[in-house]
């Protein structure tokens, strides 16, 4: 697995590990297994209520701390500058680490209109050494343009919903132009429909791979960092076993053609990844 180079000089592996709904001792075991299976990005958030679980897994693993990209996220209720500065410190304490490798604004909350304040807090926290890289989640182009105009600092990462039924090609192009890496939450669609898609199934047979492997490879070949989650050791290994083949251009195009006018997941809050 190779690394992407972020616009701030840091690096990010091509595949990460999601931890949403991984809690308690079972969550610790799943995350320790993921680290043992070679994952180096651990993606958590204040709203996932499992930063303690992720921290415990880091402590119990045999992976050196400096090899792990620990990611957390600022919730929308703490967007004012002073609240954000304080909130940024809390996951450091809960995770039991000295710094965060990547910290993201979880949602722009445009009606509240304080995401620029939150961004300024992240910039200052980075200068203080609390965070190595800063970014956002679920931000539209207009929000990113505002951040750049108001602060002169672009996010290193934007974590968004992206999967074969919602490929966001125009969004991908914009981020490439800006030098912002996209991470994909729900890279497999969080539903059985996409992982049972007949067209992707035919492509999977061609490469002797599973449908999830084909989808994750499609992400990587588009320059996107997918963040799959699994408690199964076998599936964790399988989801990462995608670097011994390349999808041909016609297969990439076939998967691209599956996108829908509004392929967003229904009944889901993108700020928390929870059901309404």
C-alpha atoms as a PDB file:
ATOM      1  CA  UNK A   1       0.000   0.000   0.000  1.00  0.00           C
ATOM      2  CA  UNK A   2       1.321   3.411  -0.963  1.00  0.00           C
ATOM      3  CA  UNK A   3       0.725   6.788   0.676  1.00  0.00           C
ATOM      4  CA  UNK A   4      -0.902   9.941  -0.600  1.00  0.00           C
ATOM      5  CA  UNK A   5       0.986  13.162   0.073  1.00  0.00           C
ATOM      6  CA  UNK A   6      -1.210  15.794   1.682  1.00  0.00           C
ATOM      7  CA  UNK A   7      -0.971  19.496   0.913  1.00  0.00           C
ATOM      8  CA  UNK A   8       0.601  20.107   4.340  1.00  0.00           C
ATOM      9  CA  UNK A   9       3.475  17.644   3.866  1.00  0.00           C
ATOM     10  CA  UNK A  10       1.966  14.758   5.827  1.00  0.00           C
ATOM     11  CA  UNK A  11       1.106  11.385   4.277  1.00  0.00           C
ATOM     12  CA  UNK A  12      -2.026   9.256   4.299  1.00  0.00           C
ATOM     13  CA  UNK A  13      -2.284   5.524   3.480  1.00  0.00           C
ATOM     14  CA  UNK A  14      -4.556   4.570   0.591  1.00  0.00           C
ATOM     15  CA  UNK A  15      -7.066   2.659   2.743  1.00  0.00           C
ATOM     16  CA  UNK A  16      -8.282   3.412   6.262  1.00  0.00           C
ATOM     17  CA  UNK A  17     -10.368   1.670   8.910  1.00  0.00           C
ATOM     18  CA  UNK A  18     -13.707   2.987  10.144  1.00  0.00           C
ATOM     19  CA  UNK A  19     -14.699   2.567  13.779  1.00  0.00           C
ATOM     20  CA  UNK A  20     -18.307   3.794  13.852  1.00  0.00           C
ATOM     21  CA  UNK A  21     -20.360   1.637  16.261  1.00  0.00           C
ATOM     22  CA  UNK A  22     -17.255  -0.205  17.455  1.00  0.00           C
ATOM     23  CA  UNK A  23     -17.574   0.186  21.223  1.00  0.00           C
ATOM     24  CA  UNK A  24     -16.465  -1.535  24.396  1.00  0.00           C
ATOM     25  CA  UNK A  25     -14.357  -4.672  24.552  1.00  0.00           C
ATOM     26  CA  UNK A  26     -15.684  -6.054  21.251  1.00  0.00           C
ATOM     27  CA  UNK A  27     -14.763  -2.776  19.588  1.00  0.00           C
ATOM     28  CA  UNK A  28     -11.285  -2.881  21.091  1.00  0.00           C
ATOM     29  CA  UNK A  29     -10.727  -6.390  19.737  1.00  0.00           C
ATOM     30  CA  UNK A  30     -11.936  -5.429  16.261  1.00  0.00           C
ATOM     31  CA  UNK A  31      -9.671  -2.370  16.133  1.00  0.00           C
ATOM     32  CA  UNK A  32      -6.643  -4.247  17.500  1.00  0.00           C
ATOM     33  CA  UNK A  33      -7.234  -6.862  14.809  1.00  0.00           C
ATOM     34  CA  UNK A  34      -7.415  -4.145  12.172  1.00  0.00           C
ATOM     35  CA  UNK A  35      -4.074  -2.729  13.310  1.00  0.00           C
ATOM     36  CA  UNK A  36      -2.562  -6.204  13.326  1.00  0.00           C
ATOM     37  CA  UNK A  37      -3.917  -6.699   9.813  1.00  0.00           C
ATOM     38  CA  UNK A  38      -2.041  -3.666   8.556  1.00  0.00           C
ATOM     39  CA  UNK A  39      -4.525  -0.802   8.757  1.00  0.00           C
ATOM     40  CA  UNK A  40      -2.910   2.439   9.864  1.00  0.00           C
ATOM     41  CA  UNK A  41      -5.734   5.007   9.633  1.00  0.00           C
ATOM     42  CA  UNK A  42      -8.207   4.778  12.518  1.00  0.00           C
ATOM     43  CA  UNK A  43     -11.242   6.985  11.909  1.00  0.00           C
ATOM     44  CA  UNK A  44     -13.325   8.002  14.911  1.00  0.00           C
ATOM     45  CA  UNK A  45     -15.305  11.064  16.012  1.00  0.00           C
ATOM     46  CA  UNK A  46     -16.724  12.763  19.085  1.00  0.00           C
ATOM     47  CA  UNK A  47     -20.196  11.811  17.852  1.00  0.00           C
ATOM     48  CA  UNK A  48     -19.274   8.119  17.575  1.00  0.00           C
ATOM     49  CA  UNK A  49     -18.811   8.007  21.363  1.00  0.00           C
ATOM     50  CA  UNK A  50     -15.950   5.524  21.073  1.00  0.00           C
ATOM     51  CA  UNK A  51     -12.738   7.540  21.285  1.00  0.00           C
ATOM     52  CA  UNK A  52     -11.939   5.703  24.521  1.00  0.00           C
ATOM     53  CA  UNK A  53     -12.352   2.369  22.762  1.00  0.00           C
ATOM     54  CA  UNK A  54     -10.028   3.458  19.952  1.00  0.00           C
ATOM     55  CA  UNK A  55      -7.462   4.679  22.473  1.00  0.00           C
ATOM     56  CA  UNK A  56      -7.571   1.390  24.366  1.00  0.00           C
ATOM     57  CA  UNK A  57      -7.023  -0.511  21.120  1.00  0.00           C
ATOM     58  CA  UNK A  58      -4.002   1.647  20.297  1.00  0.00           C
ATOM     59  CA  UNK A  59      -2.569   0.876  23.738  1.00  0.00           C
ATOM     60  CA  UNK A  60      -3.179  -2.870  23.370  1.00  0.00           C
ATOM     61  CA  UNK A  61      -1.797  -3.147  19.864  1.00  0.00           C
ATOM     62  CA  UNK A  62       1.845  -3.825  19.070  1.00  0.00           C
ATOM     63  CA  UNK A  63       1.925  -1.057  16.456  1.00  0.00           C
ATOM     64  CA  UNK A  64       4.080   1.956  17.265  1.00  0.00           C
ATOM     65  CA  UNK A  65       2.034   5.092  17.873  1.00  0.00           C
ATOM     66  CA  UNK A  66       3.905   7.058  15.203  1.00  0.00           C
ATOM     67  CA  UNK A  67       2.747   4.526  12.599  1.00  0.00           C
ATOM     68  CA  UNK A  68      -0.959   5.131  13.307  1.00  0.00           C
ATOM     69  CA  UNK A  69      -2.980   7.968  11.752  1.00  0.00           C
ATOM     70  CA  UNK A  70      -5.458   8.775  14.520  1.00  0.00           C
ATOM     71  CA  UNK A  71      -8.423  10.761  13.200  1.00  0.00           C
ATOM     72  CA  UNK A  72     -11.256  12.407  15.100  1.00  0.00           C
ATOM     73  CA  UNK A  73     -13.865  15.063  14.371  1.00  0.00           C
ATOM     74  CA  UNK A  74     -15.291  18.246  15.861  1.00  0.00           C
ATOM     75  CA  UNK A  75     -19.076  18.157  16.378  1.00  0.00           C
ATOM     76  CA  UNK A  76     -21.231  20.997  15.092  1.00  0.00           C
ATOM     77  CA  UNK A  77     -22.250  22.244  18.535  1.00  0.00           C
ATOM     78  CA  UNK A  78     -18.662  23.351  19.230  1.00  0.00           C
ATOM     79  CA  UNK A  79     -18.014  25.579  16.232  1.00  0.00           C
ATOM     80  CA  UNK A  80     -17.386  28.814  18.124  1.00  0.00           C
ATOM     81  CA  UNK A  81     -13.638  29.437  18.421  1.00  0.00           C
ATOM     82  CA  UNK A  82     -13.239  29.068  22.203  1.00  0.00           C
ATOM     83  CA  UNK A  83     -15.453  25.979  22.360  1.00  0.00           C
ATOM     84  CA  UNK A  84     -13.588  24.413  19.450  1.00  0.00           C
ATOM     85  CA  UNK A  85     -10.170  24.968  21.043  1.00  0.00           C
ATOM     86  CA  UNK A  86     -11.375  23.185  24.187  1.00  0.00           C
ATOM     87  CA  UNK A  87     -13.188  20.440  22.284  1.00  0.00           C
ATOM     88  CA  UNK A  88     -10.053  19.650  20.269  1.00  0.00           C
ATOM     89  CA  UNK A  89      -8.198  18.779  23.475  1.00  0.00           C
ATOM     90  CA  UNK A  90     -10.834  16.335  24.723  1.00  0.00           C
ATOM     91  CA  UNK A  91     -10.243  13.539  22.166  1.00  0.00           C
ATOM     92  CA  UNK A  92      -6.523  13.741  22.903  1.00  0.00           C
ATOM     93  CA  UNK A  93      -7.291  12.967  26.536  1.00  0.00           C
ATOM     94  CA  UNK A  94      -9.921  10.315  25.764  1.00  0.00           C
ATOM     95  CA  UNK A  95      -7.692   8.589  23.217  1.00  0.00           C
ATOM     96  CA  UNK A  96      -4.704   8.729  25.557  1.00  0.00           C
ATOM     97  CA  UNK A  97      -2.436  10.250  22.913  1.00  0.00           C
ATOM     98  CA  UNK A  98      -0.281  13.362  22.834  1.00  0.00           C
ATOM     99  CA  UNK A  99      -1.600  14.650  19.512  1.00  0.00           C
ATOM    100  CA  UNK A 100      -4.086  13.883  16.756  1.00  0.00           C
ATOM    101  CA  UNK A 101      -2.773  13.027  13.317  1.00  0.00           C
ATOM    102  CA  UNK A 102      -5.886  14.279  11.537  1.00  0.00           C
ATOM    103  CA  UNK A 103      -8.763  16.325  12.901  1.00  0.00           C
ATOM    104  CA  UNK A 104     -11.830  17.208  10.865  1.00  0.00           C
ATOM    105  CA  UNK A 105     -14.810  19.529  11.194  1.00  0.00           C
ATOM    106  CA  UNK A 106     -17.581  16.945  11.079  1.00  0.00           C
ATOM    107  CA  UNK A 107     -20.219  19.072   9.360  1.00  0.00           C
ATOM    108  CA  UNK A 108     -20.285  22.708   8.152  1.00  0.00           C
ATOM    109  CA  UNK A 109     -23.597  23.563   9.861  1.00  0.00           C
ATOM    110  CA  UNK A 110     -24.123  26.376   7.324  1.00  0.00           C
ATOM    111  CA  UNK A 111     -27.282  27.683   9.013  1.00  0.00           C
ATOM    112  CA  UNK A 112     -25.285  28.248  12.190  1.00  0.00           C
ATOM    113  CA  UNK A 113     -22.587  29.908  10.105  1.00  0.00           C
ATOM    114  CA  UNK A 114     -19.625  29.425  12.461  1.00  0.00           C
ATOM    115  CA  UNK A 115     -17.558  26.891  10.538  1.00  0.00           C
ATOM    116  CA  UNK A 116     -14.929  29.537   9.717  1.00  0.00           C
ATOM    117  CA  UNK A 117     -14.467  30.130  13.455  1.00  0.00           C
ATOM    118  CA  UNK A 118     -14.040  26.396  13.927  1.00  0.00           C
ATOM    119  CA  UNK A 119     -11.531  26.280  11.058  1.00  0.00           C
ATOM    120  CA  UNK A 120      -9.472  29.075  12.638  1.00  0.00           C
ATOM    121  CA  UNK A 121      -9.404  27.044  15.862  1.00  0.00           C
ATOM    122  CA  UNK A 122      -8.105  24.011  13.954  1.00  0.00           C
ATOM    123  CA  UNK A 123      -5.427  26.138  12.298  1.00  0.00           C
ATOM    124  CA  UNK A 124      -4.247  27.416  15.676  1.00  0.00           C
ATOM    125  CA  UNK A 125      -4.383  23.930  17.236  1.00  0.00           C
ATOM    126  CA  UNK A 126      -2.182  22.705  14.404  1.00  0.00           C
ATOM    127  CA  UNK A 127       0.301  25.494  15.096  1.00  0.00           C
ATOM    128  CA  UNK A 128       0.313  24.458  18.777  1.00  0.00           C
ATOM    129  CA  UNK A 129       1.163  20.870  17.834  1.00  0.00           C
ATOM    130  CA  UNK A 130      -2.139  19.374  18.981  1.00  0.00           C
ATOM    131  CA  UNK A 131      -2.960  18.273  15.426  1.00  0.00           C
ATOM    132  CA  UNK A 132      -0.696  17.293  12.548  1.00  0.00           C
ATOM    133  CA  UNK A 133      -3.209  17.682   9.708  1.00  0.00           C
ATOM    134  CA  UNK A 134      -6.561  19.450   9.560  1.00  0.00           C
ATOM    135  CA  UNK A 135      -9.539  18.906   7.332  1.00  0.00           C
ATOM    136  CA  UNK A 136     -13.294  18.776   6.999  1.00  0.00           C
ATOM    137  CA  UNK A 137     -16.203  16.404   6.411  1.00  0.00           C
ATOM    138  CA  UNK A 138     -19.233  16.841   4.204  1.00  0.00           C
ATOM    139  CA  UNK A 139     -18.119  20.301   2.998  1.00  0.00           C
ATOM    140  CA  UNK A 140     -19.364  21.572  -0.353  1.00  0.00           C
ATOM    141  CA  UNK A 141     -17.211  23.582  -2.760  1.00  0.00           C
ATOM    142  CA  UNK A 142     -18.769  26.838  -1.535  1.00  0.00           C
ATOM    143  CA  UNK A 143     -17.761  26.064   2.055  1.00  0.00           C
ATOM    144  CA  UNK A 144     -14.184  25.238   1.022  1.00  0.00           C
ATOM    145  CA  UNK A 145     -13.975  28.430  -1.034  1.00  0.00           C
ATOM    146  CA  UNK A 146     -15.071  30.395   2.033  1.00  0.00           C
ATOM    147  CA  UNK A 147     -12.404  28.768   4.207  1.00  0.00           C
ATOM    148  CA  UNK A 148      -9.719  29.631   1.673  1.00  0.00           C
ATOM    149  CA  UNK A 149     -10.964  33.208   1.260  1.00  0.00           C
ATOM    150  CA  UNK A 150     -11.216  33.853   5.006  1.00  0.00           C
ATOM    151  CA  UNK A 151      -8.033  32.088   6.185  1.00  0.00           C
ATOM    152  CA  UNK A 152      -5.855  31.291   3.181  1.00  0.00           C
ATOM    153  CA  UNK A 153      -5.657  27.673   4.408  1.00  0.00           C
ATOM    154  CA  UNK A 154      -7.211  24.794   2.504  1.00  0.00           C
ATOM    155  CA  UNK A 155      -8.205  21.519   4.171  1.00  0.00           C
ATOM    156  CA  UNK A 156      -5.808  18.628   3.663  1.00  0.00           C
ATOM    157  CA  UNK A 157      -8.763  16.205   3.580  1.00  0.00           C
ATOM    158  CA  UNK A 158     -12.503  16.300   2.946  1.00  0.00           C
ATOM    159  CA  UNK A 159     -14.334  13.184   4.092  1.00  0.00           C
ATOM    160  CA  UNK A 160     -17.553  12.718   2.124  1.00  0.00           C
ATOM    161  CA  UNK A 161     -20.080  10.128   1.061  1.00  0.00           C
ATOM    162  CA  UNK A 162     -18.831   8.418  -2.085  1.00  0.00           C
ATOM    163  CA  UNK A 163     -19.626   5.019  -3.569  1.00  0.00           C
ATOM    164  CA  UNK A 164     -20.561   3.569  -6.992  1.00  0.00           C
ATOM    165  CA  UNK A 165     -24.162   4.790  -6.751  1.00  0.00           C
ATOM    166  CA  UNK A 166     -22.964   8.288  -5.793  1.00  0.00           C
ATOM    167  CA  UNK A 167     -19.600   8.768  -7.498  1.00  0.00           C
ATOM    168  CA  UNK A 168     -19.440  12.592  -7.275  1.00  0.00           C
ATOM    169  CA  UNK A 169     -17.150  12.915 -10.307  1.00  0.00           C
ATOM    170  CA  UNK A 170     -17.413  16.708 -10.428  1.00  0.00           C
ATOM    171  CA  UNK A 171     -16.531  16.890  -6.736  1.00  0.00           C
ATOM    172  CA  UNK A 172     -13.506  14.655  -7.328  1.00  0.00           C
ATOM    173  CA  UNK A 173     -12.226  16.955 -10.062  1.00  0.00           C
ATOM    174  CA  UNK A 174     -12.605  20.052  -7.894  1.00  0.00           C
ATOM    175  CA  UNK A 175     -10.671  18.474  -5.034  1.00  0.00           C
ATOM    176  CA  UNK A 176      -7.893  17.327  -7.353  1.00  0.00           C
ATOM    177  CA  UNK A 177      -7.550  20.882  -8.640  1.00  0.00           C
ATOM    178  CA  UNK A 178      -7.358  22.170  -5.063  1.00  0.00           C
ATOM    179  CA  UNK A 179      -4.939  19.463  -3.889  1.00  0.00           C
ATOM    180  CA  UNK A 180      -7.391  18.131  -1.285  1.00  0.00           C
ATOM    181  CA  UNK A 181      -7.533  14.381  -0.658  1.00  0.00           C
ATOM    182  CA  UNK A 182     -11.001  12.847  -0.437  1.00  0.00           C
ATOM    183  CA  UNK A 183     -11.760  10.169   2.122  1.00  0.00           C
ATOM    184  CA  UNK A 184     -14.932   8.145   1.505  1.00  0.00           C
ATOM    185  CA  UNK A 185     -17.210   7.274   4.367  1.00  0.00           C
ATOM    186  CA  UNK A 186     -19.604   4.476   3.489  1.00  0.00           C
ATOM    187  CA  UNK A 187     -17.385   3.378   0.575  1.00  0.00           C
ATOM    188  CA  UNK A 188     -19.474   0.220   0.192  1.00  0.00           C
ATOM    189  CA  UNK A 189     -22.761   2.102   0.415  1.00  0.00           C
ATOM    190  CA  UNK A 190     -23.739   0.841   3.902  1.00  0.00           C
ATOM    191  CA  UNK A 191     -26.423  -1.237   2.190  1.00  0.00           C
ATOM    192  CA  UNK A 192     -26.701  -4.651   0.587  1.00  0.00           C
ATOM    193  CA  UNK A 193     -27.764  -3.241  -2.800  1.00  0.00           C
ATOM    194  CA  UNK A 194     -24.399  -1.971  -4.012  1.00  0.00           C
ATOM    195  CA  UNK A 195     -22.435  -5.005  -2.775  1.00  0.00           C
ATOM    196  CA  UNK A 196     -24.842  -7.255  -4.663  1.00  0.00           C
ATOM    197  CA  UNK A 197     -24.771  -5.247  -7.878  1.00  0.00           C
ATOM    198  CA  UNK A 198     -24.781  -7.617 -10.870  1.00  0.00           C
ATOM    199  CA  UNK A 199     -22.554  -5.451 -13.065  1.00  0.00           C
ATOM    200  CA  UNK A 200     -19.903  -5.131 -10.364  1.00  0.00           C
ATOM    201  CA  UNK A 201     -20.303  -8.860  -9.775  1.00  0.00           C
ATOM    202  CA  UNK A 202     -19.336  -9.565 -13.374  1.00  0.00           C
ATOM    203  CA  UNK A 203     -16.260  -7.375 -13.008  1.00  0.00           C
ATOM    204  CA  UNK A 204     -15.379  -9.210  -9.786  1.00  0.00           C
ATOM    205  CA  UNK A 205     -15.485 -12.549 -11.605  1.00  0.00           C
ATOM    206  CA  UNK A 206     -13.140 -11.181 -14.272  1.00  0.00           C
ATOM    207  CA  UNK A 207     -10.461 -10.358 -11.668  1.00  0.00           C
ATOM    208  CA  UNK A 208     -11.253 -13.265  -9.316  1.00  0.00           C
ATOM    209  CA  UNK A 209     -12.021 -10.770  -6.542  1.00  0.00           C
ATOM    210  CA  UNK A 210     -15.039 -10.008  -4.368  1.00  0.00           C
ATOM    211  CA  UNK A 211     -17.456  -7.172  -5.092  1.00  0.00           C
ATOM    212  CA  UNK A 212     -16.245  -5.173  -2.044  1.00  0.00           C
ATOM    213  CA  UNK A 213     -12.654  -5.555  -3.256  1.00  0.00           C
ATOM    214  CA  UNK A 214     -13.617  -4.224  -6.689  1.00  0.00           C
ATOM    215  CA  UNK A 215     -15.435  -1.243  -5.152  1.00  0.00           C
ATOM    216  CA  UNK A 216     -12.540  -0.405  -2.837  1.00  0.00           C
ATOM    217  CA  UNK A 217     -10.082  -0.688  -5.737  1.00  0.00           C
ATOM    218  CA  UNK A 218     -12.313   1.649  -7.763  1.00  0.00           C
ATOM    219  CA  UNK A 219     -11.982   4.190  -4.942  1.00  0.00           C
ATOM    220  CA  UNK A 220      -8.210   3.876  -4.798  1.00  0.00           C
ATOM    221  CA  UNK A 221      -7.775   4.182  -8.568  1.00  0.00           C
ATOM    222  CA  UNK A 222      -9.831   7.371  -8.388  1.00  0.00           C
ATOM    223  CA  UNK A 223      -7.398   8.772  -5.811  1.00  0.00           C
ATOM    224  CA  UNK A 224      -9.895   8.377  -2.959  1.00  0.00           C
ATOM    225  CA  UNK A 225      -9.134   6.917   0.488  1.00  0.00           C
ATOM    226  CA  UNK A 226     -11.937   4.476   1.369  1.00  0.00           C
ATOM    227  CA  UNK A 227     -12.618   3.824   5.041  1.00  0.00           C
ATOM    228  CA  UNK A 228     -14.318   0.414   5.271  1.00  0.00           C
ATOM    229  CA  UNK A 229     -15.289  -1.097   8.598  1.00  0.00           C
ATOM    230  CA  UNK A 230     -15.524  -4.748   9.577  1.00  0.00           C
ATOM    231  CA  UNK A 231     -15.348  -6.752  12.782  1.00  0.00           C
ATOM    232  CA  UNK A 232     -14.436  -9.888  10.819  1.00  0.00           C
ATOM    233  CA  UNK A 233     -10.724 -10.652  10.608  1.00  0.00           C
ATOM    234  CA  UNK A 234     -11.228 -12.359   7.253  1.00  0.00           C
ATOM    235  CA  UNK A 235     -13.072  -9.372   5.774  1.00  0.00           C
ATOM    236  CA  UNK A 236     -10.549  -6.925   7.218  1.00  0.00           C
ATOM    237  CA  UNK A 237      -7.797  -8.804   5.401  1.00  0.00           C
ATOM    238  CA  UNK A 238      -9.898  -9.099   2.252  1.00  0.00           C
ATOM    239  CA  UNK A 239     -10.771  -5.386   2.172  1.00  0.00           C
ATOM    240  CA  UNK A 240      -7.090  -4.535   2.238  1.00  0.00           C
ATOM    241  CA  UNK A 241      -6.059  -7.171  -0.309  1.00  0.00           C
ATOM    242  CA  UNK A 242      -6.606  -4.940  -3.336  1.00  0.00           C
ATOM    243  CA  UNK A 243      -3.079  -4.021  -4.390  1.00  0.00           C
ATOM    244  CA  UNK A 244      -2.218  -6.981  -6.594  1.00  0.00           C
ATOM    245  CA  UNK A 245      -4.387  -5.948  -9.552  1.00  0.00           C
ATOM    246  CA  UNK A 246      -5.609  -2.911 -11.500  1.00  0.00           C
ATOM    247  CA  UNK A 247      -9.043  -2.282 -12.936  1.00  0.00           C
ATOM    248  CA  UNK A 248      -8.967  -1.653 -16.667  1.00  0.00           C
ATOM    249  CA  UNK A 249     -10.353   1.627 -17.959  1.00  0.00           C
ATOM    250  CA  UNK A 250     -13.517   0.047 -19.334  1.00  0.00           C
ATOM    251  CA  UNK A 251     -14.263  -1.520 -15.949  1.00  0.00           C
ATOM    252  CA  UNK A 252     -13.735   1.781 -14.163  1.00  0.00           C
ATOM    253  CA  UNK A 253     -16.122   3.384 -16.659  1.00  0.00           C
ATOM    254  CA  UNK A 254     -18.686   0.618 -16.104  1.00  0.00           C
ATOM    255  CA  UNK A 255     -18.664   1.267 -12.361  1.00  0.00           C
ATOM    256  CA  UNK A 256     -18.840   5.026 -12.956  1.00  0.00           C
ATOM    257  CA  UNK A 257     -21.960   4.480 -15.059  1.00  0.00           C
ATOM    258  CA  UNK A 258     -23.813   3.072 -12.041  1.00  0.00           C
ATOM    259  CA  UNK A 259     -24.080   6.474 -10.349  1.00  0.00           C
ATOM    260  CA  UNK A 260     -27.579   7.809  -9.793  1.00  0.00           C
ATOM    261  CA  UNK A 261     -28.974  11.329  -9.890  1.00  0.00           C
ATOM    262  CA  UNK A 262     -29.374  11.237  -6.132  1.00  0.00           C
ATOM    263  CA  UNK A 263     -27.506   8.203  -4.900  1.00  0.00           C
ATOM    264  CA  UNK A 264     -27.194   9.441  -1.344  1.00  0.00           C
ATOM    265  CA  UNK A 265     -28.135   6.988   1.363  1.00  0.00           C
ATOM    266  CA  UNK A 266     -31.694   7.594   2.471  1.00  0.00           C
ATOM    267  CA  UNK A 267     -32.648   8.373   6.043  1.00  0.00           C
ATOM    268  CA  UNK A 268     -29.106   8.982   7.214  1.00  0.00           C
ATOM    269  CA  UNK A 269     -27.547  11.956   8.926  1.00  0.00           C
ATOM    270  CA  UNK A 270     -24.210  12.550   7.147  1.00  0.00           C
ATOM    271  CA  UNK A 271     -22.825  14.371  10.187  1.00  0.00           C
ATOM    272  CA  UNK A 272     -23.051  11.322  12.433  1.00  0.00           C
ATOM    273  CA  UNK A 273     -23.585   8.455   9.992  1.00  0.00           C
ATOM    274  CA  UNK A 274     -26.580   7.543  12.146  1.00  0.00           C
ATOM    275  CA  UNK A 275     -30.114   6.751  11.089  1.00  0.00           C
ATOM    276  CA  UNK A 276     -32.655   9.532  11.575  1.00  0.00           C
END
